[in-house]
């Protein structure tokens, strides 16, 4: 989905994706391949100054609020489906890396270190 100027738009994929590549089937990668890179010229999601992320646990309302606050700058928000466990396992089994910003998974593991005696 795409959010702009206070309105949500339903985006529908009309071309097939390469099902032999598990990364190409992940929604965030499809968005990158078909919209962010070719249409908006965004090639590196990690470093592009106009890209911000809203974690899935903060909800669509947070995404709307951030986009509305930047309406004068032409802000657009995209919401994608979360990665499934099947997606995660398929990518891992293929021995490749998950797409950028696709690994917001819940529940989060607690930070820290745990030591266990192995006998």
PDB file of N, CA and C in Angstrom:
ATOM      1  N   UNK A   1       0.841  -1.178   0.000  1.00  0.00           N
ATOM      2  CA  UNK A   1       0.000   0.000   0.000  1.00  0.00           C
ATOM      3  C   UNK A   1       0.886   1.241   0.000  1.00  0.00           C
ATOM      4  N   UNK A   2       0.351   2.317  -0.515  1.00  0.00           N
ATOM      5  CA  UNK A   2       1.067   3.589  -0.554  1.00  0.00           C
ATOM      6  C   UNK A   2       0.205   4.648   0.108  1.00  0.00           C
ATOM      7  N   UNK A   3       0.845   5.495   0.915  1.00  0.00           N
ATOM      8  CA  UNK A   3       0.149   6.580   1.604  1.00  0.00           C
ATOM      9  C   UNK A   3       0.734   7.904   1.144  1.00  0.00           C
ATOM     10  N   UNK A   4      -0.147   8.800   0.712  1.00  0.00           N
ATOM     11  CA  UNK A   4       0.294  10.134   0.273  1.00  0.00           C
ATOM     12  C   UNK A   4      -0.861  11.107   0.414  1.00  0.00           C
ATOM     13  N   UNK A   5      -0.555  12.293   0.922  1.00  0.00           N
ATOM     14  CA  UNK A   5      -1.546  13.369   1.063  1.00  0.00           C
ATOM     15  C   UNK A   5      -2.812  12.913   1.785  1.00  0.00           C
ATOM     16  N   UNK A   6      -2.637  12.150   2.872  1.00  0.00           N
ATOM     17  CA  UNK A   6      -3.775  11.745   3.690  1.00  0.00           C
ATOM     18  C   UNK A   6      -4.616  10.615   3.129  1.00  0.00           C
ATOM     19  N   UNK A   7      -4.139   9.953   2.112  1.00  0.00           N
ATOM     20  CA  UNK A   7      -4.916   8.907   1.442  1.00  0.00           C
ATOM     21  C   UNK A   7      -4.079   7.650   1.248  1.00  0.00           C
ATOM     22  N   UNK A   8      -4.672   6.481   1.524  1.00  0.00           N
ATOM     23  CA  UNK A   8      -4.030   5.196   1.256  1.00  0.00           C
ATOM     24  C   UNK A   8      -4.441   4.713  -0.130  1.00  0.00           C
ATOM     25  N   UNK A   9      -3.497   4.112  -0.833  1.00  0.00           N
ATOM     26  CA  UNK A   9      -3.737   3.547  -2.162  1.00  0.00           C
ATOM     27  C   UNK A   9      -3.317   2.083  -2.161  1.00  0.00           C
ATOM     28  N   UNK A  10      -4.133   1.262  -2.755  1.00  0.00           N
ATOM     29  CA  UNK A  10      -3.842  -0.167  -2.880  1.00  0.00           C
ATOM     30  C   UNK A  10      -2.952  -0.360  -4.106  1.00  0.00           C
ATOM     31  N   UNK A  11      -1.807  -0.987  -3.907  1.00  0.00           N
ATOM     32  CA  UNK A  11      -0.912  -1.288  -5.021  1.00  0.00           C
ATOM     33  C   UNK A  11      -1.009  -2.776  -5.313  1.00  0.00           C
ATOM     34  N   UNK A  12      -1.114  -3.100  -6.572  1.00  0.00           N
ATOM     35  CA  UNK A  12      -1.250  -4.498  -6.959  1.00  0.00           C
ATOM     36  C   UNK A  12      -0.174  -4.865  -7.963  1.00  0.00           C
ATOM     37  N   UNK A  13       0.504  -5.958  -7.703  1.00  0.00           N
ATOM     38  CA  UNK A  13       1.542  -6.452  -8.591  1.00  0.00           C
ATOM     39  C   UNK A  13       0.892  -7.077  -9.817  1.00  0.00           C
ATOM     40  N   UNK A  14       1.276  -6.593 -10.992  1.00  0.00           N
ATOM     41  CA  UNK A  14       0.670  -7.124 -12.211  1.00  0.00           C
ATOM     42  C   UNK A  14       1.624  -8.019 -12.999  1.00  0.00           C
ATOM     43  N   UNK A  15       2.894  -7.982 -12.653  1.00  0.00           N
ATOM     44  CA  UNK A  15       3.886  -8.822 -13.340  1.00  0.00           C
ATOM     45  C   UNK A  15       4.329  -9.932 -12.389  1.00  0.00           C
ATOM     46  N   UNK A  16       4.615 -11.105 -12.911  1.00  0.00           N
ATOM     47  CA  UNK A  16       5.080 -12.190 -12.040  1.00  0.00           C
ATOM     48  C   UNK A  16       6.486 -11.913 -11.514  1.00  0.00           C
ATOM     49  N   UNK A  17       6.792 -12.468 -10.350  1.00  0.00           N
ATOM     50  CA  UNK A  17       8.138 -12.363  -9.796  1.00  0.00           C
ATOM     51  C   UNK A  17       8.879 -13.675 -10.034  1.00  0.00           C
ATOM     52  N   UNK A  18      10.178 -13.628  -9.920  1.00  0.00           N
ATOM     53  CA  UNK A  18      11.015 -14.804 -10.118  1.00  0.00           C
ATOM     54  C   UNK A  18      10.897 -15.715  -8.896  1.00  0.00           C
ATOM     55  N   UNK A  19      10.093 -16.747  -9.004  1.00  0.00           N
ATOM     56  CA  UNK A  19       9.850 -17.624  -7.861  1.00  0.00           C
ATOM     57  C   UNK A  19      11.030 -18.526  -7.534  1.00  0.00           C
ATOM     58  N   UNK A  20      12.017 -18.587  -8.431  1.00  0.00           N
ATOM     59  CA  UNK A  20      13.196 -19.401  -8.143  1.00  0.00           C
ATOM     60  C   UNK A  20      14.158 -18.690  -7.195  1.00  0.00           C
ATOM     61  N   UNK A  21      13.990 -17.394  -7.010  1.00  0.00           N
ATOM     62  CA  UNK A  21      14.838 -16.601  -6.121  1.00  0.00           C
ATOM     63  C   UNK A  21      14.025 -16.204  -4.891  1.00  0.00           C
ATOM     64  N   UNK A  22      14.339 -16.768  -3.710  1.00  0.00           N
ATOM     65  CA  UNK A  22      13.526 -16.483  -2.527  1.00  0.00           C
ATOM     66  C   UNK A  22      13.550 -15.016  -2.111  1.00  0.00           C
ATOM     67  N   UNK A  23      14.615 -14.300  -2.403  1.00  0.00           N
ATOM     68  CA  UNK A  23      14.692 -12.885  -2.045  1.00  0.00           C
ATOM     69  C   UNK A  23      13.742 -12.060  -2.895  1.00  0.00           C
ATOM     70  N   UNK A  24      13.627 -12.388  -4.170  1.00  0.00           N
ATOM     71  CA  UNK A  24      12.769 -11.632  -5.090  1.00  0.00           C
ATOM     72  C   UNK A  24      11.283 -11.776  -4.765  1.00  0.00           C
ATOM     73  N   UNK A  25      10.921 -12.718  -3.894  1.00  0.00           N
ATOM     74  CA  UNK A  25       9.526 -12.937  -3.510  1.00  0.00           C
ATOM     75  C   UNK A  25       9.116 -12.158  -2.264  1.00  0.00           C
ATOM     76  N   UNK A  26      10.045 -11.491  -1.629  1.00  0.00           N
ATOM     77  CA  UNK A  26       9.753 -10.746  -0.399  1.00  0.00           C
ATOM     78  C   UNK A  26       9.236  -9.354  -0.781  1.00  0.00           C
ATOM     79  N   UNK A  27       8.141  -8.957  -0.160  1.00  0.00           N
ATOM     80  CA  UNK A  27       7.469  -7.711  -0.541  1.00  0.00           C
ATOM     81  C   UNK A  27       8.381  -6.494  -0.543  1.00  0.00           C
ATOM     82  N   UNK A  28       9.250  -6.364   0.459  1.00  0.00           N
ATOM     83  CA  UNK A  28      10.133  -5.195   0.499  1.00  0.00           C
ATOM     84  C   UNK A  28      11.091  -5.186  -0.689  1.00  0.00           C
ATOM     85  N   UNK A  29      11.516  -6.359  -1.142  1.00  0.00           N
ATOM     86  CA  UNK A  29      12.402  -6.430  -2.310  1.00  0.00           C
ATOM     87  C   UNK A  29      11.637  -6.131  -3.599  1.00  0.00           C
ATOM     88  N   UNK A  30      10.403  -6.600  -3.671  1.00  0.00           N
ATOM     89  CA  UNK A  30       9.567  -6.289  -4.840  1.00  0.00           C
ATOM     90  C   UNK A  30       9.361  -4.779  -4.934  1.00  0.00           C
ATOM     91  N   UNK A  31       9.081  -4.132  -3.805  1.00  0.00           N
ATOM     92  CA  UNK A  31       8.911  -2.675  -3.785  1.00  0.00           C
ATOM     93  C   UNK A  31      10.198  -1.984  -4.237  1.00  0.00           C
ATOM     94  N   UNK A  32      11.328  -2.452  -3.752  1.00  0.00           N
ATOM     95  CA  UNK A  32      12.614  -1.863  -4.137  1.00  0.00           C
ATOM     96  C   UNK A  32      12.859  -2.029  -5.628  1.00  0.00           C
ATOM     97  N   UNK A  33      12.660  -3.251  -6.133  1.00  0.00           N
ATOM     98  CA  UNK A  33      12.951  -3.549  -7.540  1.00  0.00           C
ATOM     99  C   UNK A  33      12.029  -2.830  -8.516  1.00  0.00           C
ATOM    100  N   UNK A  34      10.757  -2.673  -8.151  1.00  0.00           N
ATOM    101  CA  UNK A  34       9.780  -2.133  -9.104  1.00  0.00           C
ATOM    102  C   UNK A  34       9.417  -0.666  -8.906  1.00  0.00           C
ATOM    103  N   UNK A  35       9.677  -0.122  -7.701  1.00  0.00           N
ATOM    104  CA  UNK A  35       9.277   1.265  -7.445  1.00  0.00           C
ATOM    105  C   UNK A  35      10.436   2.126  -6.947  1.00  0.00           C
ATOM    106  N   UNK A  36      11.055   1.716  -5.854  1.00  0.00           N
ATOM    107  CA  UNK A  36      12.053   2.587  -5.235  1.00  0.00           C
ATOM    108  C   UNK A  36      13.248   2.865  -6.137  1.00  0.00           C
ATOM    109  N   UNK A  37      13.815   1.832  -6.736  1.00  0.00           N
ATOM    110  CA  UNK A  37      14.972   2.052  -7.608  1.00  0.00           C
ATOM    111  C   UNK A  37      14.598   2.681  -8.949  1.00  0.00           C
ATOM    112  N   UNK A  38      13.717   2.046  -9.740  1.00  0.00           N
ATOM    113  CA  UNK A  38      13.483   2.595 -11.087  1.00  0.00           C
ATOM    114  C   UNK A  38      12.661   3.884 -11.122  1.00  0.00           C
ATOM    115  N   UNK A  39      11.731   4.060 -10.212  1.00  0.00           N
ATOM    116  CA  UNK A  39      10.841   5.232 -10.270  1.00  0.00           C
ATOM    117  C   UNK A  39      11.368   6.381  -9.421  1.00  0.00           C
ATOM    118  N   UNK A  40      11.803   6.069  -8.189  1.00  0.00           N
ATOM    119  CA  UNK A  40      12.229   7.122  -7.264  1.00  0.00           C
ATOM    120  C   UNK A  40      13.742   7.302  -7.205  1.00  0.00           C
ATOM    121  N   UNK A  41      14.494   6.432  -7.856  1.00  0.00           N
ATOM    122  CA  UNK A  41      15.945   6.570  -7.884  1.00  0.00           C
ATOM    123  C   UNK A  41      16.630   6.291  -6.560  1.00  0.00           C
ATOM    124  N   UNK A  42      15.993   5.500  -5.711  1.00  0.00           N
ATOM    125  CA  UNK A  42      16.569   5.154  -4.406  1.00  0.00           C
ATOM    126  C   UNK A  42      17.277   3.817  -4.555  1.00  0.00           C
ATOM    127  N   UNK A  43      18.608   3.850  -4.486  1.00  0.00           N
ATOM    128  CA  UNK A  43      19.393   2.642  -4.726  1.00  0.00           C
ATOM    129  C   UNK A  43      19.941   2.002  -3.454  1.00  0.00           C
ATOM    130  N   UNK A  44      20.074   2.755  -2.386  1.00  0.00           N
ATOM    131  CA  UNK A  44      20.583   2.199  -1.134  1.00  0.00           C
ATOM    132  C   UNK A  44      19.680   2.643   0.011  1.00  0.00           C
ATOM    133  N   UNK A  45      18.843   1.737   0.470  1.00  0.00           N
ATOM    134  CA  UNK A  45      17.882   2.069   1.529  1.00  0.00           C
ATOM    135  C   UNK A  45      18.559   2.415   2.843  1.00  0.00           C
ATOM    136  N   UNK A  46      19.763   1.898   3.055  1.00  0.00           N
ATOM    137  CA  UNK A  46      20.466   2.138   4.321  1.00  0.00           C
ATOM    138  C   UNK A  46      20.984   3.568   4.436  1.00  0.00           C
ATOM    139  N   UNK A  47      21.359   4.164   3.313  1.00  0.00           N
ATOM    140  CA  UNK A  47      22.050   5.459   3.381  1.00  0.00           C
ATOM    141  C   UNK A  47      21.318   6.609   2.705  1.00  0.00           C
ATOM    142  N   UNK A  48      20.255   6.342   1.992  1.00  0.00           N
ATOM    143  CA  UNK A  48      19.561   7.419   1.274  1.00  0.00           C
ATOM    144  C   UNK A  48      18.967   8.400   2.283  1.00  0.00           C
ATOM    145  N   UNK A  49      19.242   9.700   2.122  1.00  0.00           N
ATOM    146  CA  UNK A  49      18.789  10.685   3.116  1.00  0.00           C
ATOM    147  C   UNK A  49      17.271  10.867   3.184  1.00  0.00           C
ATOM    148  N   UNK A  50      16.548  10.455   2.164  1.00  0.00           N
ATOM    149  CA  UNK A  50      15.096  10.646   2.150  1.00  0.00           C
ATOM    150  C   UNK A  50      14.323   9.403   2.555  1.00  0.00           C
ATOM    151  N   UNK A  51      15.009   8.403   3.095  1.00  0.00           N
ATOM    152  CA  UNK A  51      14.345   7.163   3.494  1.00  0.00           C
ATOM    153  C   UNK A  51      14.339   7.059   5.014  1.00  0.00           C
ATOM    154  N   UNK A  52      13.176   6.811   5.572  1.00  0.00           N
ATOM    155  CA  UNK A  52      13.025   6.580   7.013  1.00  0.00           C
ATOM    156  C   UNK A  52      12.165   5.332   7.184  1.00  0.00           C
ATOM    157  N   UNK A  53      12.317   4.669   8.306  1.00  0.00           N
ATOM    158  CA  UNK A  53      11.583   3.436   8.543  1.00  0.00           C
ATOM    159  C   UNK A  53      10.729   3.558   9.788  1.00  0.00           C
ATOM    160  N   UNK A  54       9.588   2.920   9.736  1.00  0.00           N
ATOM    161  CA  UNK A  54       8.698   2.815  10.883  1.00  0.00           C
ATOM    162  C   UNK A  54       8.502   1.330  11.135  1.00  0.00           C
ATOM    163  N   UNK A  55       8.917   0.871  12.300  1.00  0.00           N
ATOM    164  CA  UNK A  55       8.797  -0.544  12.630  1.00  0.00           C
ATOM    165  C   UNK A  55       7.349  -0.991  12.680  1.00  0.00           C
ATOM    166  N   UNK A  56       7.139  -2.246  12.354  1.00  0.00           N
ATOM    167  CA  UNK A  56       5.792  -2.794  12.295  1.00  0.00           C
ATOM    168  C   UNK A  56       5.022  -2.717  13.589  1.00  0.00           C
ATOM    169  N   UNK A  57       5.732  -2.672  14.714  1.00  0.00           N
ATOM    170  CA  UNK A  57       5.043  -2.615  16.000  1.00  0.00           C
ATOM    171  C   UNK A  57       4.502  -1.218  16.303  1.00  0.00           C
ATOM    172  N   UNK A  58       4.898  -0.209  15.539  1.00  0.00           N
ATOM    173  CA  UNK A  58       4.428   1.155  15.776  1.00  0.00           C
ATOM    174  C   UNK A  58       3.178   1.483  14.987  1.00  0.00           C
ATOM    175  N   UNK A  59       2.809   0.635  14.056  1.00  0.00           N
ATOM    176  CA  UNK A  59       1.521   0.755  13.385  1.00  0.00           C
ATOM    177  C   UNK A  59       1.466   1.752  12.252  1.00  0.00           C
ATOM    178  N   UNK A  60       0.396   1.620  11.490  1.00  0.00           N
ATOM    179  CA  UNK A  60       0.183   2.494  10.339  1.00  0.00           C
ATOM    180  C   UNK A  60      -0.062   3.939  10.759  1.00  0.00           C
ATOM    181  N   UNK A  61      -0.607   4.146  11.953  1.00  0.00           N
ATOM    182  CA  UNK A  61      -0.858   5.509  12.412  1.00  0.00           C
ATOM    183  C   UNK A  61       0.440   6.296  12.552  1.00  0.00           C
ATOM    184  N   UNK A  62       1.487   5.644  13.017  1.00  0.00           N
ATOM    185  CA  UNK A  62       2.793   6.298  13.120  1.00  0.00           C
ATOM    186  C   UNK A  62       3.328   6.645  11.737  1.00  0.00           C
ATOM    187  N   UNK A  63       3.150   5.742  10.797  1.00  0.00           N
ATOM    188  CA  UNK A  63       3.585   5.984   9.424  1.00  0.00           C
ATOM    189  C   UNK A  63       2.815   7.167   8.825  1.00  0.00           C
ATOM    190  N   UNK A  64       1.519   7.214   9.062  1.00  0.00           N
ATOM    191  CA  UNK A  64       0.705   8.321   8.567  1.00  0.00           C
ATOM    192  C   UNK A  64       1.161   9.650   9.184  1.00  0.00           C
ATOM    193  N   UNK A  65       1.402   9.640  10.485  1.00  0.00           N
ATOM    194  CA  UNK A  65       1.801  10.866  11.176  1.00  0.00           C
ATOM    195  C   UNK A  65       3.131  11.398  10.642  1.00  0.00           C
ATOM    196  N   UNK A  66       4.103  10.521  10.444  1.00  0.00           N
ATOM    197  CA  UNK A  66       5.405  10.952   9.909  1.00  0.00           C
ATOM    198  C   UNK A  66       5.272  11.478   8.486  1.00  0.00           C
ATOM    199  N   UNK A  67       4.467  10.807   7.696  1.00  0.00           N
ATOM    200  CA  UNK A  67       4.290  11.231   6.303  1.00  0.00           C
ATOM    201  C   UNK A  67       3.530  12.547   6.238  1.00  0.00           C
ATOM    202  N   UNK A  68       2.492  12.684   7.044  1.00  0.00           N
ATOM    203  CA  UNK A  68       1.718  13.928   7.062  1.00  0.00           C
ATOM    204  C   UNK A  68       2.578  15.106   7.518  1.00  0.00           C
ATOM    205  N   UNK A  69       3.489  14.870   8.460  1.00  0.00           N
ATOM    206  CA  UNK A  69       4.359  15.937   8.954  1.00  0.00           C
ATOM    207  C   UNK A  69       5.326  16.417   7.869  1.00  0.00           C
ATOM    208  N   UNK A  70       5.573  15.581   6.880  1.00  0.00           N
ATOM    209  CA  UNK A  70       6.497  15.935   5.803  1.00  0.00           C
ATOM    210  C   UNK A  70       5.770  16.111   4.471  1.00  0.00           C
ATOM    211  N   UNK A  71       4.483  16.384   4.530  1.00  0.00           N
ATOM    212  CA  UNK A  71       3.665  16.517   3.321  1.00  0.00           C
ATOM    213  C   UNK A  71       4.215  17.577   2.369  1.00  0.00           C
ATOM    214  N   UNK A  72       4.686  18.695   2.905  1.00  0.00           N
ATOM    215  CA  UNK A  72       5.205  19.786   2.066  1.00  0.00           C
ATOM    216  C   UNK A  72       6.437  19.357   1.273  1.00  0.00           C
ATOM    217  N   UNK A  73       7.167  18.355   1.765  1.00  0.00           N
ATOM    218  CA  UNK A  73       8.352  17.862   1.066  1.00  0.00           C
ATOM    219  C   UNK A  73       8.014  16.745   0.079  1.00  0.00           C
ATOM    220  N   UNK A  74       6.731  16.422  -0.061  1.00  0.00           N
ATOM    221  CA  UNK A  74       6.304  15.388  -0.999  1.00  0.00           C
ATOM    222  C   UNK A  74       6.479  13.976  -0.468  1.00  0.00           C
ATOM    223  N   UNK A  75       6.376  13.797   0.831  1.00  0.00           N
ATOM    224  CA  UNK A  75       6.595  12.478   1.447  1.00  0.00           C
ATOM    225  C   UNK A  75       5.575  11.445   0.977  1.00  0.00           C
ATOM    226  N   UNK A  76       6.067  10.234   0.815  1.00  0.00           N
ATOM    227  CA  UNK A  76       5.249   9.079   0.449  1.00  0.00           C
ATOM    228  C   UNK A  76       5.627   7.952   1.400  1.00  0.00           C
ATOM    229  N   UNK A  77       4.654   7.181   1.826  1.00  0.00           N
ATOM    230  CA  UNK A  77       4.925   6.015   2.673  1.00  0.00           C
ATOM    231  C   UNK A  77       4.458   4.757   1.963  1.00  0.00           C
ATOM    232  N   UNK A  78       5.200   3.692   2.154  1.00  0.00           N
ATOM    233  CA  UNK A  78       4.819   2.392   1.615  1.00  0.00           C
ATOM    234  C   UNK A  78       4.723   1.409   2.766  1.00  0.00           C
ATOM    235  N   UNK A  79       3.658   0.640   2.800  1.00  0.00           N
ATOM    236  CA  UNK A  79       3.491  -0.423   3.802  1.00  0.00           C
ATOM    237  C   UNK A  79       3.536  -1.754   3.070  1.00  0.00           C
ATOM    238  N   UNK A  80       4.343  -2.673   3.568  1.00  0.00           N
ATOM    239  CA  UNK A  80       4.464  -3.990   2.950  1.00  0.00           C
ATOM    240  C   UNK A  80       4.124  -5.053   3.989  1.00  0.00           C
ATOM    241  N   UNK A  81       3.754  -6.222   3.493  1.00  0.00           N
ATOM    242  CA  UNK A  81       3.469  -7.326   4.393  1.00  0.00           C
ATOM    243  C   UNK A  81       4.743  -7.769   5.091  1.00  0.00           C
ATOM    244  N   UNK A  82       4.627  -8.222   6.323  1.00  0.00           N
ATOM    245  CA  UNK A  82       5.821  -8.708   7.027  1.00  0.00           C
ATOM    246  C   UNK A  82       6.339 -10.004   6.411  1.00  0.00           C
ATOM    247  N   UNK A  83       7.601 -10.255   6.645  1.00  0.00           N
ATOM    248  CA  UNK A  83       8.236 -11.490   6.190  1.00  0.00           C
ATOM    249  C   UNK A  83       7.632 -12.663   6.965  1.00  0.00           C
ATOM    250  N   UNK A  84       7.334 -13.727   6.258  1.00  0.00           N
ATOM    251  CA  UNK A  84       6.810 -14.920   6.930  1.00  0.00           C
ATOM    252  C   UNK A  84       7.971 -15.816   7.341  1.00  0.00           C
ATOM    253  N   UNK A  85       7.690 -16.754   8.219  1.00  0.00           N
ATOM    254  CA  UNK A  85       8.728 -17.707   8.606  1.00  0.00           C
ATOM    255  C   UNK A  85       9.150 -18.533   7.397  1.00  0.00           C
ATOM    256  N   UNK A  86       8.215 -18.821   6.506  1.00  0.00           N
ATOM    257  CA  UNK A  86       8.542 -19.550   5.284  1.00  0.00           C
ATOM    258  C   UNK A  86       9.534 -18.763   4.427  1.00  0.00           C
ATOM    259  N   UNK A  87       9.307 -17.437   4.311  1.00  0.00           N
ATOM    260  CA  UNK A  87      10.249 -16.581   3.582  1.00  0.00           C
ATOM    261  C   UNK A  87      11.632 -16.634   4.218  1.00  0.00           C
ATOM    262  N   UNK A  88      11.661 -16.484   5.522  1.00  0.00           N
ATOM    263  CA  UNK A  88      12.918 -16.473   6.258  1.00  0.00           C
ATOM    264  C   UNK A  88      13.688 -17.771   6.058  1.00  0.00           C
ATOM    265  N   UNK A  89      13.003 -18.908   6.191  1.00  0.00           N
ATOM    266  CA  UNK A  89      13.654 -20.207   6.018  1.00  0.00           C
ATOM    267  C   UNK A  89      14.110 -20.415   4.577  1.00  0.00           C
ATOM    268  N   UNK A  90      13.308 -19.972   3.610  1.00  0.00           N
ATOM    269  CA  UNK A  90      13.683 -20.132   2.199  1.00  0.00           C
ATOM    270  C   UNK A  90      14.966 -19.366   1.877  1.00  0.00           C
ATOM    271  N   UNK A  91      15.065 -18.151   2.389  1.00  0.00           N
ATOM    272  CA  UNK A  91      16.265 -17.345   2.160  1.00  0.00           C
ATOM    273  C   UNK A  91      17.467 -17.982   2.857  1.00  0.00           C
ATOM    274  N   UNK A  92      17.264 -18.428   4.085  1.00  0.00           N
ATOM    275  CA  UNK A  92      18.364 -19.058   4.827  1.00  0.00           C
ATOM    276  C   UNK A  92      18.829 -20.335   4.137  1.00  0.00           C
ATOM    277  N   UNK A  93      17.897 -21.144   3.687  1.00  0.00           N
ATOM    278  CA  UNK A  93      18.255 -22.403   3.013  1.00  0.00           C
ATOM    279  C   UNK A  93      18.977 -22.151   1.690  1.00  0.00           C
ATOM    280  N   UNK A  94      18.691 -21.025   1.056  1.00  0.00           N
ATOM    281  CA  UNK A  94      19.375 -20.679  -0.190  1.00  0.00           C
ATOM    282  C   UNK A  94      20.765 -20.104   0.074  1.00  0.00           C
ATOM    283  N   UNK A  95      21.038 -19.798   1.338  1.00  0.00           N
ATOM    284  CA  UNK A  95      22.353 -19.271   1.700  1.00  0.00           C
ATOM    285  C   UNK A  95      22.583 -17.841   1.272  1.00  0.00           C
ATOM    286  N   UNK A  96      21.497 -17.075   1.156  1.00  0.00           N
ATOM    287  CA  UNK A  96      21.613 -15.672   0.756  1.00  0.00           C
ATOM    288  C   UNK A  96      21.141 -14.773   1.894  1.00  0.00           C
ATOM    289  N   UNK A  97      21.300 -13.485   1.712  1.00  0.00           N
ATOM    290  CA  UNK A  97      20.968 -12.503   2.735  1.00  0.00           C
ATOM    291  C   UNK A  97      19.574 -11.931   2.519  1.00  0.00           C
ATOM    292  N   UNK A  98      18.885 -11.672   3.608  1.00  0.00           N
ATOM    293  CA  UNK A  98      17.571 -11.038   3.529  1.00  0.00           C
ATOM    294  C   UNK A  98      17.714  -9.629   2.955  1.00  0.00           C
ATOM    295  N   UNK A  99      16.684  -9.146   2.260  1.00  0.00           N
ATOM    296  CA  UNK A  99      16.734  -7.783   1.731  1.00  0.00           C
ATOM    297  C   UNK A  99      16.835  -6.753   2.853  1.00  0.00           C
ATOM    298  N   UNK A 100      17.391  -5.614   2.507  1.00  0.00           N
ATOM    299  CA  UNK A 100      17.522  -4.516   3.455  1.00  0.00           C
ATOM    300  C   UNK A 100      16.163  -4.149   4.044  1.00  0.00           C
ATOM    301  N   UNK A 101      16.141  -3.959   5.338  1.00  0.00           N
ATOM    302  CA  UNK A 101      14.959  -3.517   6.084  1.00  0.00           C
ATOM    303  C   UNK A 101      13.784  -4.490   6.018  1.00  0.00           C
ATOM    304  N   UNK A 102      14.068  -5.757   5.794  1.00  0.00           N
ATOM    305  CA  UNK A 102      12.997  -6.750   5.771  1.00  0.00           C
ATOM    306  C   UNK A 102      13.009  -7.619   7.018  1.00  0.00           C
ATOM    307  N   UNK A 103      13.934  -7.359   7.915  1.00  0.00           N
ATOM    308  CA  UNK A 103      14.118  -8.262   9.050  1.00  0.00           C
ATOM    309  C   UNK A 103      13.596  -7.691  10.359  1.00  0.00           C
ATOM    310  N   UNK A 104      12.589  -6.863  10.292  1.00  0.00           N
ATOM    311  CA  UNK A 104      11.951  -6.395  11.519  1.00  0.00           C
ATOM    312  C   UNK A 104      11.007  -7.499  11.974  1.00  0.00           C
ATOM    313  N   UNK A 105      11.496  -8.330  12.861  1.00  0.00           N
ATOM    314  CA  UNK A 105      10.733  -9.490  13.313  1.00  0.00           C
ATOM    315  C   UNK A 105      10.359  -9.346  14.778  1.00  0.00           C
ATOM    316  N   UNK A 106       9.187  -9.775  15.108  1.00  0.00           N
ATOM    317  CA  UNK A 106       8.721  -9.768  16.495  1.00  0.00           C
ATOM    318  C   UNK A 106       8.346 -11.184  16.897  1.00  0.00           C
ATOM    319  N   UNK A 107       8.495 -11.589  18.112  1.00  0.00           N
ATOM    320  CA  UNK A 107       9.038 -10.805  19.229  1.00  0.00           C
ATOM    321  C   UNK A 107      10.550 -10.692  19.122  1.00  0.00           C
ATOM    322  N   UNK A 108      11.067  -9.592  19.667  1.00  0.00           N
ATOM    323  CA  UNK A 108      12.502  -9.353  19.672  1.00  0.00           C
ATOM    324  C   UNK A 108      13.144 -10.143  20.804  1.00  0.00           C
ATOM    325  N   UNK A 109      14.329 -10.660  20.523  1.00  0.00           N
ATOM    326  CA  UNK A 109      15.095 -11.320  21.577  1.00  0.00           C
ATOM    327  C   UNK A 109      15.647 -10.237  22.493  1.00  0.00           C
ATOM    328  N   UNK A 110      15.741 -10.533  23.770  1.00  0.00           N
ATOM    329  CA  UNK A 110      16.312  -9.578  24.714  1.00  0.00           C
ATOM    330  C   UNK A 110      17.787  -9.384  24.409  1.00  0.00           C
ATOM    331  N   UNK A 111      18.245  -8.149  24.532  1.00  0.00           N
ATOM    332  CA  UNK A 111      19.660  -7.868  24.316  1.00  0.00           C
ATOM    333  C   UNK A 111      20.440  -8.317  25.548  1.00  0.00           C
ATOM    334  N   UNK A 112      21.658  -8.699  25.329  1.00  0.00           N
ATOM    335  CA  UNK A 112      22.502  -9.108  26.442  1.00  0.00           C
ATOM    336  C   UNK A 112      23.212 -10.396  26.122  1.00  0.00           C
ATOM    337  N   UNK A 113      23.856 -10.925  27.110  1.00  0.00           N
ATOM    338  CA  UNK A 113      24.619 -12.141  26.909  1.00  0.00           C
ATOM    339  C   UNK A 113      24.174 -13.165  27.938  1.00  0.00           C
ATOM    340  N   UNK A 114      24.119 -14.389  27.501  1.00  0.00           N
ATOM    341  CA  UNK A 114      23.740 -15.474  28.395  1.00  0.00           C
ATOM    342  C   UNK A 114      24.852 -16.526  28.316  1.00  0.00           C
ATOM    343  N   UNK A 115      25.263 -16.969  29.477  1.00  0.00           N
ATOM    344  CA  UNK A 115      26.307 -17.976  29.524  1.00  0.00           C
ATOM    345  C   UNK A 115      25.737 -19.218  30.182  1.00  0.00           C
ATOM    346  N   UNK A 116      26.014 -20.329  29.570  1.00  0.00           N
ATOM    347  CA  UNK A 116      25.540 -21.584  30.124  1.00  0.00           C
ATOM    348  C   UNK A 116      26.705 -22.558  30.162  1.00  0.00           C
ATOM    349  N   UNK A 117      26.844 -23.227  31.228  1.00  0.00           N
ATOM    350  CA  UNK A 117      27.909 -24.201  31.375  1.00  0.00           C
ATOM    351  C   UNK A 117      27.585 -25.418  30.516  1.00  0.00           C
ATOM    352  N   UNK A 118      28.535 -25.828  29.722  1.00  0.00           N
ATOM    353  CA  UNK A 118      28.384 -27.014  28.892  1.00  0.00           C
ATOM    354  C   UNK A 118      29.256 -28.109  29.502  1.00  0.00           C
ATOM    355  N   UNK A 119      28.653 -29.206  29.827  1.00  0.00           N
ATOM    356  CA  UNK A 119      29.389 -30.310  30.452  1.00  0.00           C
ATOM    357  C   UNK A 119      29.501 -31.490  29.525  1.00  0.00           C
TER     358      UNK A 119
END
